[in-house]
Amino acid sequence: MARIAITGGTGFVGRRLAQRLRAGGHDVLVLGRAGSLETGFIDCEAVVHCAGINREIGTQTYQAVHVEYTREVVAAARRAGVTRIVMLSFLRARPGCGSSYHESKWAAEEIVRGSRLEWTVLKAGVIYGRGDHMLDHLSRAFHTLPLFGLVGFRSQPVRPVAVDDVAHVLAAAALGDPRLTTRTFAVLGPDQLLLADAVRQVADVAGRGPWFIRLPVAVHRLIATAAELVMTVPLISRAQVRILAEGIVEPLPAADGLPVDLLPATRFDEASIRAGLPPAGGFGRQDLRCCRVSG
C-alpha cells in the first residue's frame, strides 16, 4: 500500500481524496498550509497538491499561496525523495489573461511541470458536492434572498463535475497510473448546460423559487468585493465572477482527455444535487467576518 501526502487535505476536494485513499487501505498524510512539508513528505510515494484559495486576505495572496507555496511543496518533495506529484488546478488557468487567479494557477502548473518529478496536472471545472461553495452558497442564498442575480446578460455554459469523480481521478494519478504521467488533463462532468439553467435546477431541488435577474458583470464584481470584505466565505468572490462570466467547458490552453474508465460519470441531476445540498437554511451572523469566533 502507498503512503500519499495531500496538501490542502482539510479542504473540500482534499478531504474526499483522503477518504477514498484510506478506504483503499493506503496511508494518507493530510497537510494544511501550516504543516511541516519536508518532514511530512518523508517516506511518501506521491504528493497531491490541492491547496488553493479563491480570494486574497492579508498575506494569503494568490502569489503566496498558488505560486510560492507550490514552489515550496515541489522543493520539499524533492528533498524528501518523493517521486510523484499531482496538482489540482483550474480548467481555464492560463497566462496573460488579466486575472491574477488564473495566472497564478498557471504559474503553479508550470512549477509542477518543471519539477523533475513524475507529474500530473488536472484542470477541473466547477466542482460540486456536499461542503462545496456552489451548492452550499446557492442553497443558502435562495433561503436568504427573494432575488438572485445571474452573472452577465448572456448565460455561459458550464459542465459541473462531482467531487467524488475528481477524487477518483486524483487517486489514480497519485497511485501512479502510467496513462496519466507527465500529462495535463481536463476534468469535466458529463452534462453541459447554461449557468442559468444549472442555478434554476438547484433552486428547484432546494424547493425555492427566487426571482432571477440578470446583472452586468461589473455589478457582480461590486457585489463580490463587498462579500469578500464582510463574509468569512464570500457568497461569490471576484475570481469566481471572472470564472462564471467566461464559461467553464473548455480548458485553456488545450489539455488531454482522460481515459474512458476515468471520465467523470455522475450526472448533474436531482439525485446528485440533493445529495450535495446542505441542511436548509440561510446566511446568518456566523457568516460575517466581524462575528467570527476565534477558537
C-alpha atoms as a PDB file:
ATOM      1  CA  MET A   1       0.000   0.000   0.000  1.00  0.00           C
ATOM      2  CA  ALA A   2       1.144   3.525  -0.773  1.00  0.00           C
ATOM      3  CA  ARG A   3       1.824   6.472   1.503  1.00  0.00           C
ATOM      4  CA  ILE A   4       0.350   9.651  -0.003  1.00  0.00           C
ATOM      5  CA  ALA A   5       0.583  13.246   1.257  1.00  0.00           C
ATOM      6  CA  ILE A   6      -2.175  15.738   0.442  1.00  0.00           C
ATOM      7  CA  THR A   7      -1.649  19.481   0.692  1.00  0.00           C
ATOM      8  CA  GLY A   8      -4.903  21.294   1.287  1.00  0.00           C
ATOM      9  CA  GLY A   9      -6.085  17.958   2.635  1.00  0.00           C
ATOM     10  CA  THR A  10      -8.569  19.559   5.024  1.00  0.00           C
ATOM     11  CA  GLY A  11     -10.341  21.309   2.136  1.00  0.00           C
ATOM     12  CA  PHE A  12     -13.346  20.279   0.080  1.00  0.00           C
ATOM     13  CA  VAL A  13     -11.572  18.091  -2.502  1.00  0.00           C
ATOM     14  CA  GLY A  14      -8.659  17.069  -0.290  1.00  0.00           C
ATOM     15  CA  ARG A  15     -10.976  15.552   2.338  1.00  0.00           C
ATOM     16  CA  ARG A  16     -12.763  13.421  -0.265  1.00  0.00           C
ATOM     17  CA  LEU A  17      -9.467  12.247  -1.727  1.00  0.00           C
ATOM     18  CA  ALA A  18      -8.160  11.301   1.724  1.00  0.00           C
ATOM     19  CA  GLN A  19     -11.312   9.291   2.431  1.00  0.00           C
ATOM     20  CA  ARG A  20     -11.031   7.446  -0.883  1.00  0.00           C
ATOM     21  CA  LEU A  21      -7.364   6.580  -0.405  1.00  0.00           C
ATOM     22  CA  ARG A  22      -7.860   5.430   3.188  1.00  0.00           C
ATOM     23  CA  ALA A  23     -10.812   3.288   2.114  1.00  0.00           C
ATOM     24  CA  GLY A  24      -8.406   1.609  -0.302  1.00  0.00           C
ATOM     25  CA  GLY A  25      -6.020   0.799   2.540  1.00  0.00           C
ATOM     26  CA  HIS A  26      -3.454   3.489   1.792  1.00  0.00           C
ATOM     27  CA  ASP A  27      -1.598   5.596   4.355  1.00  0.00           C
ATOM     28  CA  VAL A  28      -2.600   9.246   3.983  1.00  0.00           C
ATOM     29  CA  LEU A  29      -0.912  12.290   5.442  1.00  0.00           C
ATOM     30  CA  VAL A  30      -3.113  15.397   5.427  1.00  0.00           C
ATOM     31  CA  LEU A  31      -1.288  18.723   5.410  1.00  0.00           C
ATOM     32  CA  GLY A  32      -2.693  22.218   5.786  1.00  0.00           C
ATOM     33  CA  ARG A  33      -0.611  25.183   4.638  1.00  0.00           C
ATOM     34  CA  ALA A  34       0.865  25.446   8.144  1.00  0.00           C
ATOM     35  CA  GLY A  35       2.164  21.870   8.111  1.00  0.00           C
ATOM     36  CA  SER A  36       5.816  20.907   8.013  1.00  0.00           C
ATOM     37  CA  LEU A  37       6.301  19.873   4.397  1.00  0.00           C
ATOM     38  CA  GLU A  38       9.665  18.175   4.309  1.00  0.00           C
ATOM     39  CA  THR A  39       9.045  16.176   7.491  1.00  0.00           C
ATOM     40  CA  GLY A  40       5.574  15.250   6.303  1.00  0.00           C
ATOM     41  CA  PHE A  41       6.755  14.069   2.902  1.00  0.00           C
ATOM     42  CA  ILE A  42       9.277  11.557   4.261  1.00  0.00           C
ATOM     43  CA  ASP A  43       8.513   8.027   3.014  1.00  0.00           C
ATOM     44  CA  CYS A  44       5.712   9.313   0.762  1.00  0.00           C
ATOM     45  CA  GLU A  45       5.492   7.968  -2.761  1.00  0.00           C
ATOM     46  CA  ALA A  46       3.421  10.885  -4.001  1.00  0.00           C
ATOM     47  CA  VAL A  47       2.177  14.338  -3.084  1.00  0.00           C
ATOM     48  CA  VAL A  48      -1.246  15.519  -4.226  1.00  0.00           C
ATOM     49  CA  HIS A  49      -1.247  19.302  -4.251  1.00  0.00           C
ATOM     50  CA  CYS A  50      -4.813  20.539  -3.672  1.00  0.00           C
ATOM     51  CA  ALA A  51      -4.073  23.719  -1.718  1.00  0.00           C
ATOM     52  CA  GLY A  52      -5.518  26.929  -3.142  1.00  0.00           C
ATOM     53  CA  ILE A  53      -7.660  29.983  -2.441  1.00  0.00           C
ATOM     54  CA  ASN A  54     -10.348  31.817  -4.402  1.00  0.00           C
ATOM     55  CA  ARG A  55      -9.850  35.211  -2.755  1.00  0.00           C
ATOM     56  CA  GLU A  56      -6.958  37.072  -1.178  1.00  0.00           C
ATOM     57  CA  ILE A  57      -6.870  38.017   2.521  1.00  0.00           C
ATOM     58  CA  GLY A  58      -3.854  39.782   4.008  1.00  0.00           C
ATOM     59  CA  THR A  59      -0.713  37.761   3.365  1.00  0.00           C
ATOM     60  CA  GLN A  60      -2.748  34.941   1.813  1.00  0.00           C
ATOM     61  CA  THR A  61      -2.356  36.219  -1.733  1.00  0.00           C
ATOM     62  CA  TYR A  62      -2.557  34.275  -4.978  1.00  0.00           C
ATOM     63  CA  GLN A  63       1.171  34.783  -5.414  1.00  0.00           C
ATOM     64  CA  ALA A  64       1.924  33.481  -1.932  1.00  0.00           C
ATOM     65  CA  VAL A  65      -0.449  30.513  -1.898  1.00  0.00           C
ATOM     66  CA  HIS A  66      -0.557  29.409  -5.525  1.00  0.00           C
ATOM     67  CA  VAL A  67       2.952  30.250  -6.669  1.00  0.00           C
ATOM     68  CA  GLU A  68       5.344  30.438  -3.725  1.00  0.00           C
ATOM     69  CA  TYR A  69       3.708  27.633  -1.760  1.00  0.00           C
ATOM     70  CA  THR A  70       3.734  25.371  -4.821  1.00  0.00           C
ATOM     71  CA  ARG A  71       7.433  26.110  -5.220  1.00  0.00           C
ATOM     72  CA  GLU A  72       7.954  25.125  -1.557  1.00  0.00           C
ATOM     73  CA  VAL A  73       5.927  21.943  -1.999  1.00  0.00           C
ATOM     74  CA  VAL A  74       7.980  20.865  -5.018  1.00  0.00           C
ATOM     75  CA  ALA A  75      11.299  21.644  -3.325  1.00  0.00           C
ATOM     76  CA  ALA A  76      10.307  19.791  -0.145  1.00  0.00           C
ATOM     77  CA  ALA A  77       9.077  16.797  -2.147  1.00  0.00           C
ATOM     78  CA  ARG A  78      12.356  16.525  -3.996  1.00  0.00           C
ATOM     79  CA  ARG A  79      14.403  16.791  -0.781  1.00  0.00           C
ATOM     80  CA  ALA A  80      12.260  14.107   0.860  1.00  0.00           C
ATOM     81  CA  GLY A  81      12.726  11.717  -2.052  1.00  0.00           C
ATOM     82  CA  VAL A  82       9.121  11.818  -3.301  1.00  0.00           C
ATOM     83  CA  THR A  83       8.913  10.553  -6.873  1.00  0.00           C
ATOM     84  CA  ARG A  84       5.454  11.764  -7.968  1.00  0.00           C
ATOM     85  CA  ILE A  85       3.431  14.975  -7.697  1.00  0.00           C
ATOM     86  CA  VAL A  86      -0.182  15.532  -8.763  1.00  0.00           C
ATOM     87  CA  MET A  87      -1.677  19.013  -8.903  1.00  0.00           C
ATOM     88  CA  LEU A  88      -5.328  20.018  -8.948  1.00  0.00           C
ATOM     89  CA  SER A  89      -5.639  23.204 -10.977  1.00  0.00           C
ATOM     90  CA  PHE A  90      -8.419  25.178 -12.661  1.00  0.00           C
ATOM     91  CA  LEU A  91      -9.748  24.418 -16.136  1.00  0.00           C
ATOM     92  CA  ARG A  92      -9.008  27.840 -17.623  1.00  0.00           C
ATOM     93  CA  ALA A  93      -5.834  28.737 -15.748  1.00  0.00           C
ATOM     94  CA  ARG A  94      -3.574  30.443 -18.271  1.00  0.00           C
ATOM     95  CA  PRO A  95      -1.012  33.221 -18.622  1.00  0.00           C
ATOM     96  CA  GLY A  96      -1.597  36.775 -19.782  1.00  0.00           C
ATOM     97  CA  CYS A  97      -5.377  36.871 -19.305  1.00  0.00           C
ATOM     98  CA  GLY A  98      -5.547  39.764 -16.838  1.00  0.00           C
ATOM     99  CA  SER A  99      -6.770  37.667 -13.878  1.00  0.00           C
ATOM    100  CA  SER A 100      -4.295  37.125 -11.058  1.00  0.00           C
ATOM    101  CA  TYR A 101      -6.194  33.997 -10.000  1.00  0.00           C
ATOM    102  CA  HIS A 102      -5.933  32.360 -13.424  1.00  0.00           C
ATOM    103  CA  GLU A 103      -2.357  33.491 -13.966  1.00  0.00           C
ATOM    104  CA  SER A 104      -1.139  32.316 -10.546  1.00  0.00           C
ATOM    105  CA  LYS A 105      -2.735  28.908 -11.055  1.00  0.00           C
ATOM    106  CA  TRP A 106      -0.966  28.659 -14.414  1.00  0.00           C
ATOM    107  CA  ALA A 107       2.344  29.627 -12.810  1.00  0.00           C
ATOM    108  CA  ALA A 108       1.837  26.854 -10.262  1.00  0.00           C
ATOM    109  CA  GLU A 109       1.161  24.357 -13.051  1.00  0.00           C
ATOM    110  CA  GLU A 110       4.426  25.336 -14.724  1.00  0.00           C
ATOM    111  CA  ILE A 111       6.335  24.829 -11.470  1.00  0.00           C
ATOM    112  CA  VAL A 112       4.905  21.310 -11.193  1.00  0.00           C
ATOM    113  CA  ARG A 113       5.625  20.526 -14.853  1.00  0.00           C
ATOM    114  CA  GLY A 114       9.218  21.680 -14.352  1.00  0.00           C
ATOM    115  CA  SER A 115       9.699  19.808 -11.066  1.00  0.00           C
ATOM    116  CA  ARG A 116      11.779  16.941 -12.488  1.00  0.00           C
ATOM    117  CA  LEU A 117       9.378  14.583 -10.722  1.00  0.00           C
ATOM    118  CA  GLU A 118       6.761  12.363 -12.310  1.00  0.00           C
ATOM    119  CA  TRP A 119       3.887  14.827 -12.582  1.00  0.00           C
ATOM    120  CA  THR A 120       0.234  15.077 -13.489  1.00  0.00           C
ATOM    121  CA  VAL A 121      -1.820  18.284 -13.713  1.00  0.00           C
ATOM    122  CA  LEU A 122      -5.603  18.025 -13.557  1.00  0.00           C
ATOM    123  CA  LYS A 123      -7.524  21.088 -14.735  1.00  0.00           C
ATOM    124  CA  ALA A 124     -11.021  20.846 -13.256  1.00  0.00           C
ATOM    125  CA  GLY A 125     -14.101  22.932 -13.920  1.00  0.00           C
ATOM    126  CA  VAL A 126     -16.801  23.715 -11.343  1.00  0.00           C
ATOM    127  CA  ILE A 127     -16.616  21.018  -8.656  1.00  0.00           C
ATOM    128  CA  TYR A 128     -19.755  20.345  -6.635  1.00  0.00           C
ATOM    129  CA  GLY A 129     -20.846  18.152  -3.730  1.00  0.00           C
ATOM    130  CA  ARG A 130     -21.635  18.311  -0.023  1.00  0.00           C
ATOM    131  CA  GLY A 131     -19.491  21.033   1.555  1.00  0.00           C
ATOM    132  CA  ASP A 132     -18.726  22.884  -1.689  1.00  0.00           C
ATOM    133  CA  HIS A 133     -19.109  26.567  -2.499  1.00  0.00           C
ATOM    134  CA  MET A 134     -21.521  26.039  -5.377  1.00  0.00           C
ATOM    135  CA  LEU A 135     -24.448  24.096  -3.896  1.00  0.00           C
ATOM    136  CA  ASP A 136     -23.873  25.381  -0.364  1.00  0.00           C
ATOM    137  CA  HIS A 137     -23.866  29.053  -1.307  1.00  0.00           C
ATOM    138  CA  LEU A 138     -26.654  28.771  -3.850  1.00  0.00           C
ATOM    139  CA  SER A 139     -28.921  26.964  -1.393  1.00  0.00           C
ATOM    140  CA  ARG A 140     -28.259  29.399   1.422  1.00  0.00           C
ATOM    141  CA  ALA A 141     -28.708  32.379  -0.899  1.00  0.00           C
ATOM    142  CA  PHE A 142     -32.075  31.004  -2.042  1.00  0.00           C
ATOM    143  CA  HIS A 143     -33.163  30.735   1.614  1.00  0.00           C
ATOM    144  CA  THR A 144     -31.987  34.289   2.357  1.00  0.00           C
ATOM    145  CA  LEU A 145     -32.770  36.440  -0.676  1.00  0.00           C
ATOM    146  CA  PRO A 146     -36.017  36.941  -2.630  1.00  0.00           C
ATOM    147  CA  LEU A 147     -33.959  37.893  -5.705  1.00  0.00           C
ATOM    148  CA  PHE A 148     -30.961  36.144  -7.200  1.00  0.00           C
ATOM    149  CA  GLY A 149     -28.666  37.808  -9.717  1.00  0.00           C
ATOM    150  CA  LEU A 150     -27.236  35.855 -12.633  1.00  0.00           C
ATOM    151  CA  VAL A 151     -23.819  36.837 -13.923  1.00  0.00           C
ATOM    152  CA  GLY A 152     -23.880  38.737 -17.206  1.00  0.00           C
ATOM    153  CA  PHE A 153     -26.577  39.374 -19.755  1.00  0.00           C
ATOM    154  CA  ARG A 154     -25.671  36.217 -21.664  1.00  0.00           C
ATOM    155  CA  SER A 155     -25.526  32.947 -19.748  1.00  0.00           C
ATOM    156  CA  GLN A 156     -22.336  30.953 -20.252  1.00  0.00           C
ATOM    157  CA  PRO A 157     -22.097  27.156 -20.408  1.00  0.00           C
ATOM    158  CA  VAL A 158     -20.770  25.003 -17.566  1.00  0.00           C
ATOM    159  CA  ARG A 159     -20.002  21.311 -17.053  1.00  0.00           C
ATOM    160  CA  PRO A 160     -20.249  20.705 -13.280  1.00  0.00           C
ATOM    161  CA  VAL A 161     -18.137  17.799 -12.060  1.00  0.00           C
ATOM    162  CA  ALA A 162     -18.905  15.804  -8.900  1.00  0.00           C
ATOM    163  CA  VAL A 163     -16.246  15.915  -6.192  1.00  0.00           C
ATOM    164  CA  ASP A 164     -16.137  12.115  -5.884  1.00  0.00           C
ATOM    165  CA  ASP A 165     -15.343  11.860  -9.606  1.00  0.00           C
ATOM    166  CA  VAL A 166     -12.495  14.336  -9.183  1.00  0.00           C
ATOM    167  CA  ALA A 167     -11.186  12.387  -6.180  1.00  0.00           C
ATOM    168  CA  HIS A 168     -11.279   9.205  -8.281  1.00  0.00           C
ATOM    169  CA  VAL A 169      -9.011  10.717 -10.932  1.00  0.00           C
ATOM    170  CA  LEU A 170      -6.679  12.267  -8.343  1.00  0.00           C
ATOM    171  CA  ALA A 171      -6.322   8.903  -6.617  1.00  0.00           C
ATOM    172  CA  ALA A 172      -5.469   7.151  -9.888  1.00  0.00           C
ATOM    173  CA  ALA A 173      -2.785   9.727 -10.631  1.00  0.00           C
ATOM    174  CA  ALA A 174      -1.403   9.605  -7.090  1.00  0.00           C
ATOM    175  CA  LEU A 175      -1.121   5.829  -7.248  1.00  0.00           C
ATOM    176  CA  GLY A 176       0.897   6.004 -10.443  1.00  0.00           C
ATOM    177  CA  ASP A 177      -1.479   5.172 -13.292  1.00  0.00           C
ATOM    178  CA  PRO A 178       1.049   5.296 -16.170  1.00  0.00           C
ATOM    179  CA  ARG A 179      -1.546   6.725 -18.565  1.00  0.00           C
ATOM    180  CA  LEU A 180      -1.637   9.926 -16.508  1.00  0.00           C
ATOM    181  CA  THR A 181       2.072  10.525 -16.024  1.00  0.00           C
ATOM    182  CA  THR A 182       3.689  13.677 -17.408  1.00  0.00           C
ATOM    183  CA  ARG A 183       0.433  14.942 -18.897  1.00  0.00           C
ATOM    184  CA  THR A 184      -2.182  17.639 -18.305  1.00  0.00           C
ATOM    185  CA  PHE A 185      -5.857  16.626 -18.323  1.00  0.00           C
ATOM    186  CA  ALA A 186      -9.202  18.397 -18.342  1.00  0.00           C
ATOM    187  CA  VAL A 187     -11.663  17.093 -15.732  1.00  0.00           C
ATOM    188  CA  LEU A 188     -15.282  17.909 -16.571  1.00  0.00           C
ATOM    189  CA  GLY A 189     -18.692  16.474 -15.794  1.00  0.00           C
ATOM    190  CA  PRO A 190     -20.768  14.645 -18.436  1.00  0.00           C
ATOM    191  CA  ASP A 191     -23.533  17.283 -18.649  1.00  0.00           C
ATOM    192  CA  GLN A 192     -23.174  20.652 -20.366  1.00  0.00           C
ATOM    193  CA  LEU A 193     -25.783  23.279 -19.586  1.00  0.00           C
ATOM    194  CA  LEU A 194     -26.099  27.021 -19.294  1.00  0.00           C
ATOM    195  CA  LEU A 195     -25.157  28.504 -15.939  1.00  0.00           C
ATOM    196  CA  ALA A 196     -28.644  29.997 -15.581  1.00  0.00           C
ATOM    197  CA  ASP A 197     -30.225  26.577 -16.096  1.00  0.00           C
ATOM    198  CA  ALA A 198     -27.879  24.983 -13.560  1.00  0.00           C
ATOM    199  CA  VAL A 199     -28.780  27.628 -10.974  1.00  0.00           C
ATOM    200  CA  ARG A 200     -32.507  27.195 -11.581  1.00  0.00           C
ATOM    201  CA  GLN A 201     -32.110  23.431 -11.300  1.00  0.00           C
ATOM    202  CA  VAL A 202     -30.510  23.815  -7.859  1.00  0.00           C
ATOM    203  CA  ALA A 203     -33.312  26.178  -6.799  1.00  0.00           C
ATOM    204  CA  ASP A 204     -35.943  23.643  -7.865  1.00  0.00           C
ATOM    205  CA  VAL A 205     -34.296  20.805  -5.936  1.00  0.00           C
ATOM    206  CA  ALA A 206     -33.908  23.067  -2.891  1.00  0.00           C
ATOM    207  CA  GLY A 207     -37.612  23.852  -3.071  1.00  0.00           C
ATOM    208  CA  ARG A 208     -37.075  27.579  -3.509  1.00  0.00           C
ATOM    209  CA  GLY A 209     -38.433  29.963  -6.126  1.00  0.00           C
ATOM    210  CA  PRO A 210     -36.490  33.224  -6.094  1.00  0.00           C
ATOM    211  CA  TRP A 211     -36.877  35.807  -8.819  1.00  0.00           C
ATOM    212  CA  PHE A 212     -33.898  35.651 -11.148  1.00  0.00           C
ATOM    213  CA  ILE A 213     -32.470  38.826 -12.612  1.00  0.00           C
ATOM    214  CA  ARG A 214     -29.521  39.293 -14.938  1.00  0.00           C
ATOM    215  CA  LEU A 215     -26.914  41.774 -13.764  1.00  0.00           C
ATOM    216  CA  PRO A 216     -23.880  43.099 -15.628  1.00  0.00           C
ATOM    217  CA  VAL A 217     -20.554  41.535 -14.754  1.00  0.00           C
ATOM    218  CA  ALA A 218     -19.444  44.905 -13.338  1.00  0.00           C
ATOM    219  CA  VAL A 219     -22.275  44.823 -10.805  1.00  0.00           C
ATOM    220  CA  HIS A 220     -21.321  41.308  -9.754  1.00  0.00           C
ATOM    221  CA  ARG A 221     -17.744  42.470  -9.244  1.00  0.00           C
ATOM    222  CA  LEU A 222     -19.026  45.114  -6.822  1.00  0.00           C
ATOM    223  CA  ILE A 223     -21.138  42.508  -5.015  1.00  0.00           C
ATOM    224  CA  ALA A 224     -18.132  40.191  -4.836  1.00  0.00           C
ATOM    225  CA  THR A 225     -15.901  42.951  -3.474  1.00  0.00           C
ATOM    226  CA  ALA A 226     -18.414  43.653  -0.709  1.00  0.00           C
ATOM    227  CA  ALA A 227     -18.859  39.934   0.020  1.00  0.00           C
ATOM    228  CA  GLU A 228     -15.104  39.427   0.341  1.00  0.00           C
ATOM    229  CA  LEU A 229     -14.918  42.300   2.820  1.00  0.00           C
ATOM    230  CA  VAL A 230     -17.723  41.204   5.127  1.00  0.00           C
ATOM    231  CA  MET A 231     -18.126  37.406   4.831  1.00  0.00           C
ATOM    232  CA  THR A 232     -15.880  34.661   6.169  1.00  0.00           C
ATOM    233  CA  VAL A 233     -16.563  32.679   3.000  1.00  0.00           C
ATOM    234  CA  PRO A 234     -17.953  35.147   0.447  1.00  0.00           C
ATOM    235  CA  LEU A 235     -21.208  34.493  -1.368  1.00  0.00           C
ATOM    236  CA  ILE A 236     -19.130  34.999  -4.515  1.00  0.00           C
ATOM    237  CA  SER A 237     -15.548  36.183  -4.983  1.00  0.00           C
ATOM    238  CA  ARG A 238     -14.152  38.418  -7.705  1.00  0.00           C
ATOM    239  CA  ALA A 239     -12.233  35.453  -9.110  1.00  0.00           C
ATOM    240  CA  GLN A 240     -15.457  33.452  -9.306  1.00  0.00           C
ATOM    241  CA  VAL A 241     -17.209  36.284 -11.131  1.00  0.00           C
ATOM    242  CA  ARG A 242     -14.489  36.176 -13.775  1.00  0.00           C
ATOM    243  CA  ILE A 243     -14.748  32.394 -13.962  1.00  0.00           C
ATOM    244  CA  LEU A 244     -18.523  32.334 -14.387  1.00  0.00           C
ATOM    245  CA  ALA A 245     -18.551  35.209 -16.868  1.00  0.00           C
ATOM    246  CA  GLU A 246     -16.408  33.381 -19.441  1.00  0.00           C
ATOM    247  CA  GLY A 247     -17.826  29.865 -19.340  1.00  0.00           C
ATOM    248  CA  ILE A 248     -16.298  26.690 -17.961  1.00  0.00           C
ATOM    249  CA  VAL A 249     -16.428  23.960 -20.601  1.00  0.00           C
ATOM    250  CA  GLU A 250     -13.097  24.099 -22.426  1.00  0.00           C
ATOM    251  CA  PRO A 251      -9.584  24.076 -20.989  1.00  0.00           C
ATOM    252  CA  LEU A 252      -7.172  26.852 -21.820  1.00  0.00           C
ATOM    253  CA  PRO A 253      -4.628  26.067 -23.070  1.00  0.00           C
ATOM    254  CA  ALA A 254      -5.830  22.782 -24.578  1.00  0.00           C
ATOM    255  CA  ALA A 255      -5.449  19.702 -22.372  1.00  0.00           C
ATOM    256  CA  ASP A 256      -5.693  15.961 -22.897  1.00  0.00           C
ATOM    257  CA  GLY A 257      -8.889  13.969 -22.444  1.00  0.00           C
ATOM    258  CA  LEU A 258      -8.995  11.385 -19.673  1.00  0.00           C
ATOM    259  CA  PRO A 259      -9.002   7.649 -20.354  1.00  0.00           C
ATOM    260  CA  VAL A 260     -12.560   6.387 -20.755  1.00  0.00           C
ATOM    261  CA  ASP A 261     -12.586   4.477 -17.464  1.00  0.00           C
ATOM    262  CA  LEU A 262     -11.628   7.637 -15.554  1.00  0.00           C
ATOM    263  CA  LEU A 263     -14.096  10.016 -17.196  1.00  0.00           C
ATOM    264  CA  PRO A 264     -16.462  11.628 -14.639  1.00  0.00           C
ATOM    265  CA  ALA A 265     -19.853   9.953 -14.985  1.00  0.00           C
ATOM    266  CA  THR A 266     -22.017  11.492 -12.249  1.00  0.00           C
ATOM    267  CA  ARG A 267     -24.913  13.340 -13.850  1.00  0.00           C
ATOM    268  CA  PHE A 268     -25.819  16.831 -12.662  1.00  0.00           C
ATOM    269  CA  ASP A 269     -29.364  15.783 -11.826  1.00  0.00           C
ATOM    270  CA  GLU A 270     -31.828  15.887  -8.952  1.00  0.00           C
ATOM    271  CA  ALA A 271     -30.193  12.981  -7.128  1.00  0.00           C
ATOM    272  CA  SER A 272     -26.641  14.359  -7.204  1.00  0.00           C
ATOM    273  CA  ILE A 273     -27.799  17.894  -6.387  1.00  0.00           C
ATOM    274  CA  ARG A 274     -29.905  16.700  -3.465  1.00  0.00           C
ATOM    275  CA  ALA A 275     -27.007  14.635  -2.122  1.00  0.00           C
ATOM    276  CA  GLY A 276     -24.805  17.732  -2.136  1.00  0.00           C
ATOM    277  CA  LEU A 277     -27.216  20.246  -0.621  1.00  0.00           C
ATOM    278  CA  PRO A 278     -26.570  21.434   2.946  1.00  0.00           C
ATOM    279  CA  PRO A 279     -29.322  21.436   5.591  1.00  0.00           C
ATOM    280  CA  ALA A 280     -31.942  24.035   4.673  1.00  0.00           C
ATOM    281  CA  GLY A 281     -31.135  27.500   5.985  1.00  0.00           C
ATOM    282  CA  GLY A 282     -29.915  30.933   5.012  1.00  0.00           C
ATOM    283  CA  PHE A 283     -26.915  33.078   5.782  1.00  0.00           C
ATOM    284  CA  GLY A 284     -26.634  34.471   9.323  1.00  0.00           C
ATOM    285  CA  ARG A 285     -24.382  36.409  11.672  1.00  0.00           C
ATOM    286  CA  GLN A 286     -21.969  33.500  11.852  1.00  0.00           C
ATOM    287  CA  ASP A 287     -21.110  34.086   8.187  1.00  0.00           C
ATOM    288  CA  LEU A 288     -19.877  37.628   8.830  1.00  0.00           C
ATOM    289  CA  ARG A 289     -16.190  38.266   9.448  1.00  0.00           C
ATOM    290  CA  CYS A 290     -17.000  40.723  12.232  1.00  0.00           C
ATOM    291  CA  CYS A 291     -18.894  37.985  14.096  1.00  0.00           C
ATOM    292  CA  ARG A 292     -16.352  35.237  13.602  1.00  0.00           C
ATOM    293  CA  VAL A 293     -15.471  33.474  16.822  1.00  0.00           C
ATOM    294  CA  SER A 294     -11.801  32.651  17.209  1.00  0.00           C
ATOM    295  CA  GLY A 295     -11.040  29.356  18.828  1.00  0.00           C
END
